[in-house]
């Protein structure tokens, strides 16, 4: 069974994140907030595709569902102000 911390590690191994928080309690369904400079100038779909790419085949095998909220650092700073 996959933990939220393992999922965070999988993402950050392949995607530079300024902030990341993953929550999940059943080992297959997760919610996440991800802030990355890699998202600058990209649509939400492209941002999610970057995360899926960082996870590789794990999305097909270990992870059943991943809800994502993705932000650029600028967007994130406005939300947390």
N, C-alpha and C. Protein backbone atom coordinates (compact mmCIF):
# COMPACT_ATOMS: atom_id res chain seq x y z
N UNK A 1 0.84 -1.18 0.00
CA UNK A 1 0.00 0.00 0.00
C UNK A 1 0.89 1.25 0.00
N UNK A 2 0.53 2.22 -0.79
CA UNK A 2 1.29 3.45 -0.97
C UNK A 2 0.89 4.48 0.08
N UNK A 3 1.86 5.16 0.66
CA UNK A 3 1.56 6.22 1.63
C UNK A 3 1.61 7.58 0.92
N UNK A 4 1.00 8.57 1.55
CA UNK A 4 1.03 9.93 1.02
C UNK A 4 2.46 10.44 0.92
N UNK A 5 3.28 10.10 1.91
CA UNK A 5 4.68 10.54 1.90
C UNK A 5 5.45 9.91 0.73
N UNK A 6 5.17 8.65 0.43
CA UNK A 6 5.83 8.00 -0.71
C UNK A 6 5.42 8.68 -2.01
N UNK A 7 4.15 9.01 -2.12
CA UNK A 7 3.67 9.67 -3.33
C UNK A 7 4.33 11.05 -3.49
N UNK A 8 4.45 11.79 -2.39
CA UNK A 8 5.17 13.08 -2.44
C UNK A 8 6.59 12.88 -2.96
N UNK A 9 7.26 11.85 -2.44
CA UNK A 9 8.64 11.57 -2.86
C UNK A 9 8.70 11.22 -4.34
N UNK A 10 7.77 10.42 -4.83
CA UNK A 10 7.75 10.05 -6.25
C UNK A 10 7.64 11.30 -7.12
N UNK A 11 6.75 12.23 -6.73
CA UNK A 11 6.55 13.44 -7.52
C UNK A 11 7.81 14.31 -7.49
N UNK A 12 8.36 14.54 -6.29
CA UNK A 12 9.50 15.46 -6.17
C UNK A 12 10.79 14.89 -6.76
N UNK A 13 10.86 13.58 -6.98
CA UNK A 13 12.04 13.00 -7.64
C UNK A 13 12.13 13.45 -9.09
N UNK A 14 10.98 13.75 -9.70
CA UNK A 14 10.95 14.07 -11.13
C UNK A 14 10.35 15.43 -11.47
N UNK A 15 9.96 16.19 -10.44
CA UNK A 15 9.39 17.50 -10.67
C UNK A 15 9.81 18.41 -9.51
N UNK A 16 10.50 19.50 -9.85
CA UNK A 16 10.95 20.44 -8.81
C UNK A 16 9.73 21.17 -8.26
N UNK A 17 9.51 21.03 -6.95
CA UNK A 17 8.34 21.63 -6.31
C UNK A 17 8.78 22.63 -5.25
N UNK A 18 8.16 23.79 -5.24
CA UNK A 18 8.40 24.76 -4.19
C UNK A 18 7.61 24.37 -2.93
N UNK A 19 6.46 23.71 -3.16
CA UNK A 19 5.63 23.23 -2.06
C UNK A 19 4.85 22.03 -2.57
N UNK A 20 4.69 21.04 -1.72
CA UNK A 20 3.86 19.89 -2.07
C UNK A 20 3.26 19.32 -0.80
N UNK A 21 1.99 18.98 -0.88
CA UNK A 21 1.31 18.31 0.22
C UNK A 21 0.37 17.29 -0.38
N UNK A 22 0.53 16.04 0.03
CA UNK A 22 -0.33 14.96 -0.44
C UNK A 22 -1.03 14.36 0.77
N UNK A 23 -2.32 14.18 0.65
CA UNK A 23 -3.12 13.54 1.69
C UNK A 23 -3.79 12.32 1.10
N UNK A 24 -3.93 11.29 1.91
CA UNK A 24 -4.63 10.08 1.50
C UNK A 24 -4.60 9.10 2.63
N UNK A 25 -5.69 8.37 2.80
CA UNK A 25 -5.73 7.46 3.93
C UNK A 25 -6.02 6.00 3.58
N UNK A 26 -6.27 5.73 2.30
CA UNK A 26 -6.56 4.34 1.96
C UNK A 26 -5.51 3.68 1.07
N UNK A 27 -4.45 4.42 0.72
CA UNK A 27 -3.36 3.85 -0.05
C UNK A 27 -3.54 3.86 -1.55
N UNK A 28 -4.72 4.27 -2.04
CA UNK A 28 -4.93 4.32 -3.49
C UNK A 28 -5.59 5.62 -3.95
N UNK A 29 -6.25 6.34 -3.06
CA UNK A 29 -6.92 7.60 -3.39
C UNK A 29 -6.21 8.73 -2.65
N UNK A 30 -5.81 9.77 -3.41
CA UNK A 30 -5.01 10.84 -2.83
C UNK A 30 -5.50 12.20 -3.30
N UNK A 31 -5.26 13.22 -2.47
CA UNK A 31 -5.49 14.62 -2.80
C UNK A 31 -4.16 15.34 -2.66
N UNK A 32 -3.90 16.30 -3.55
CA UNK A 32 -2.60 16.97 -3.48
C UNK A 32 -2.71 18.45 -3.82
N UNK A 33 -1.77 19.20 -3.27
CA UNK A 33 -1.52 20.59 -3.65
C UNK A 33 -0.05 20.63 -4.06
N UNK A 34 0.20 21.11 -5.28
CA UNK A 34 1.56 21.12 -5.81
C UNK A 34 1.86 22.50 -6.38
N UNK A 35 2.96 23.08 -5.93
CA UNK A 35 3.41 24.39 -6.41
C UNK A 35 4.76 24.20 -7.07
N UNK A 36 4.86 24.63 -8.34
CA UNK A 36 6.11 24.44 -9.08
C UNK A 36 6.31 25.54 -10.11
N UNK A 37 7.56 25.96 -10.27
CA UNK A 37 7.91 26.89 -11.35
C UNK A 37 7.69 26.27 -12.72
N UNK A 38 7.70 24.94 -12.78
CA UNK A 38 7.49 24.25 -14.06
C UNK A 38 6.10 24.51 -14.62
N UNK A 39 5.17 24.99 -13.77
CA UNK A 39 3.80 25.24 -14.21
C UNK A 39 3.61 26.61 -14.86
N UNK A 40 4.61 27.47 -14.75
CA UNK A 40 4.50 28.84 -15.29
C UNK A 40 4.25 28.77 -16.80
N UNK A 41 3.21 29.49 -17.24
CA UNK A 41 2.89 29.57 -18.67
C UNK A 41 2.17 28.35 -19.22
N UNK A 42 1.78 27.43 -18.35
CA UNK A 42 1.12 26.20 -18.79
C UNK A 42 -0.35 26.21 -18.34
N UNK A 43 -1.19 25.59 -19.14
CA UNK A 43 -2.60 25.44 -18.77
C UNK A 43 -2.71 24.43 -17.63
N UNK A 44 -3.88 24.39 -16.99
CA UNK A 44 -4.09 23.42 -15.92
C UNK A 44 -3.88 21.99 -16.43
N UNK A 45 -4.37 21.71 -17.62
CA UNK A 45 -4.20 20.38 -18.20
C UNK A 45 -2.71 20.05 -18.37
N UNK A 46 -1.95 21.00 -18.89
CA UNK A 46 -0.51 20.78 -19.06
C UNK A 46 0.19 20.59 -17.72
N UNK A 47 -0.24 21.33 -16.70
CA UNK A 47 0.33 21.18 -15.36
C UNK A 47 0.07 19.77 -14.83
N UNK A 48 -1.15 19.30 -14.98
CA UNK A 48 -1.49 17.95 -14.51
C UNK A 48 -0.71 16.90 -15.29
N UNK A 49 -0.53 17.13 -16.58
CA UNK A 49 0.25 16.20 -17.39
C UNK A 49 1.70 16.12 -16.90
N UNK A 50 2.26 17.23 -16.45
CA UNK A 50 3.61 17.21 -15.89
C UNK A 50 3.67 16.34 -14.64
N UNK A 51 2.65 16.43 -13.80
CA UNK A 51 2.62 15.60 -12.59
C UNK A 51 2.47 14.13 -12.98
N UNK A 52 1.56 13.83 -13.90
CA UNK A 52 1.40 12.44 -14.35
C UNK A 52 2.70 11.90 -14.94
N UNK A 53 3.38 12.74 -15.69
CA UNK A 53 4.66 12.33 -16.26
C UNK A 53 5.68 12.04 -15.17
N UNK A 54 5.69 12.86 -14.12
CA UNK A 54 6.60 12.63 -13.00
C UNK A 54 6.32 11.30 -12.30
N UNK A 55 5.06 10.89 -12.31
CA UNK A 55 4.69 9.63 -11.65
C UNK A 55 4.89 8.41 -12.54
N UNK A 56 4.94 8.62 -13.84
CA UNK A 56 5.17 7.51 -14.77
C UNK A 56 4.09 6.44 -14.66
N UNK A 57 4.51 5.19 -14.70
CA UNK A 57 3.58 4.06 -14.69
C UNK A 57 2.87 3.86 -13.36
N UNK A 58 3.28 4.57 -12.33
CA UNK A 58 2.63 4.41 -11.02
C UNK A 58 1.15 4.79 -11.09
N UNK A 59 0.79 5.71 -11.98
CA UNK A 59 -0.62 6.09 -12.11
C UNK A 59 -1.45 4.93 -12.64
N UNK A 60 -0.84 4.02 -13.33
CA UNK A 60 -1.57 2.86 -13.85
C UNK A 60 -1.61 1.70 -12.87
N UNK A 61 -0.66 1.67 -11.96
CA UNK A 61 -0.56 0.50 -11.09
C UNK A 61 -0.84 0.80 -9.62
N UNK A 62 -0.07 1.68 -9.00
CA UNK A 62 -0.17 1.90 -7.56
C UNK A 62 -1.24 2.90 -7.14
N UNK A 63 -1.56 3.85 -8.01
CA UNK A 63 -2.44 4.95 -7.65
C UNK A 63 -3.76 4.81 -8.42
N UNK A 64 -4.84 4.74 -7.69
CA UNK A 64 -6.15 4.62 -8.35
C UNK A 64 -6.70 6.01 -8.71
N UNK A 65 -6.55 6.96 -7.80
CA UNK A 65 -7.09 8.31 -8.04
C UNK A 65 -6.20 9.35 -7.37
N UNK A 66 -5.93 10.43 -8.10
CA UNK A 66 -5.14 11.53 -7.58
C UNK A 66 -5.82 12.84 -7.95
N UNK A 67 -6.36 13.51 -6.95
CA UNK A 67 -6.94 14.84 -7.13
C UNK A 67 -5.82 15.86 -6.96
N UNK A 68 -5.70 16.78 -7.92
CA UNK A 68 -4.59 17.74 -7.88
C UNK A 68 -5.10 19.17 -7.92
N UNK A 69 -4.47 20.01 -7.12
CA UNK A 69 -4.58 21.45 -7.24
C UNK A 69 -3.16 21.92 -7.51
N UNK A 70 -2.94 22.47 -8.70
CA UNK A 70 -1.60 22.88 -9.10
C UNK A 70 -1.54 24.39 -9.23
N UNK A 71 -0.42 24.96 -8.77
CA UNK A 71 -0.24 26.40 -8.78
C UNK A 71 1.19 26.76 -9.14
N UNK A 72 1.34 27.93 -9.76
CA UNK A 72 2.67 28.52 -9.92
C UNK A 72 3.00 29.17 -8.57
N UNK A 73 4.27 29.44 -8.30
CA UNK A 73 4.60 30.13 -7.05
C UNK A 73 3.88 31.47 -6.90
N UNK A 74 3.70 32.20 -8.00
CA UNK A 74 3.01 33.49 -7.94
C UNK A 74 1.54 33.30 -7.54
N UNK A 75 0.88 32.32 -8.15
CA UNK A 75 -0.51 32.03 -7.79
C UNK A 75 -0.62 31.62 -6.34
N UNK A 76 0.31 30.78 -5.89
CA UNK A 76 0.30 30.28 -4.52
C UNK A 76 0.50 31.41 -3.52
N UNK A 77 1.40 32.35 -3.83
CA UNK A 77 1.66 33.45 -2.89
C UNK A 77 0.42 34.33 -2.76
N UNK A 78 -0.34 34.49 -3.82
CA UNK A 78 -1.58 35.28 -3.75
C UNK A 78 -2.64 34.56 -2.91
N UNK A 79 -2.68 33.24 -2.99
CA UNK A 79 -3.65 32.47 -2.21
C UNK A 79 -3.32 32.48 -0.72
N UNK A 80 -2.05 32.44 -0.41
CA UNK A 80 -1.64 32.34 1.00
C UNK A 80 -1.42 33.70 1.65
N UNK A 81 -1.70 34.77 0.91
CA UNK A 81 -1.51 36.13 1.47
C UNK A 81 -2.72 36.54 2.29
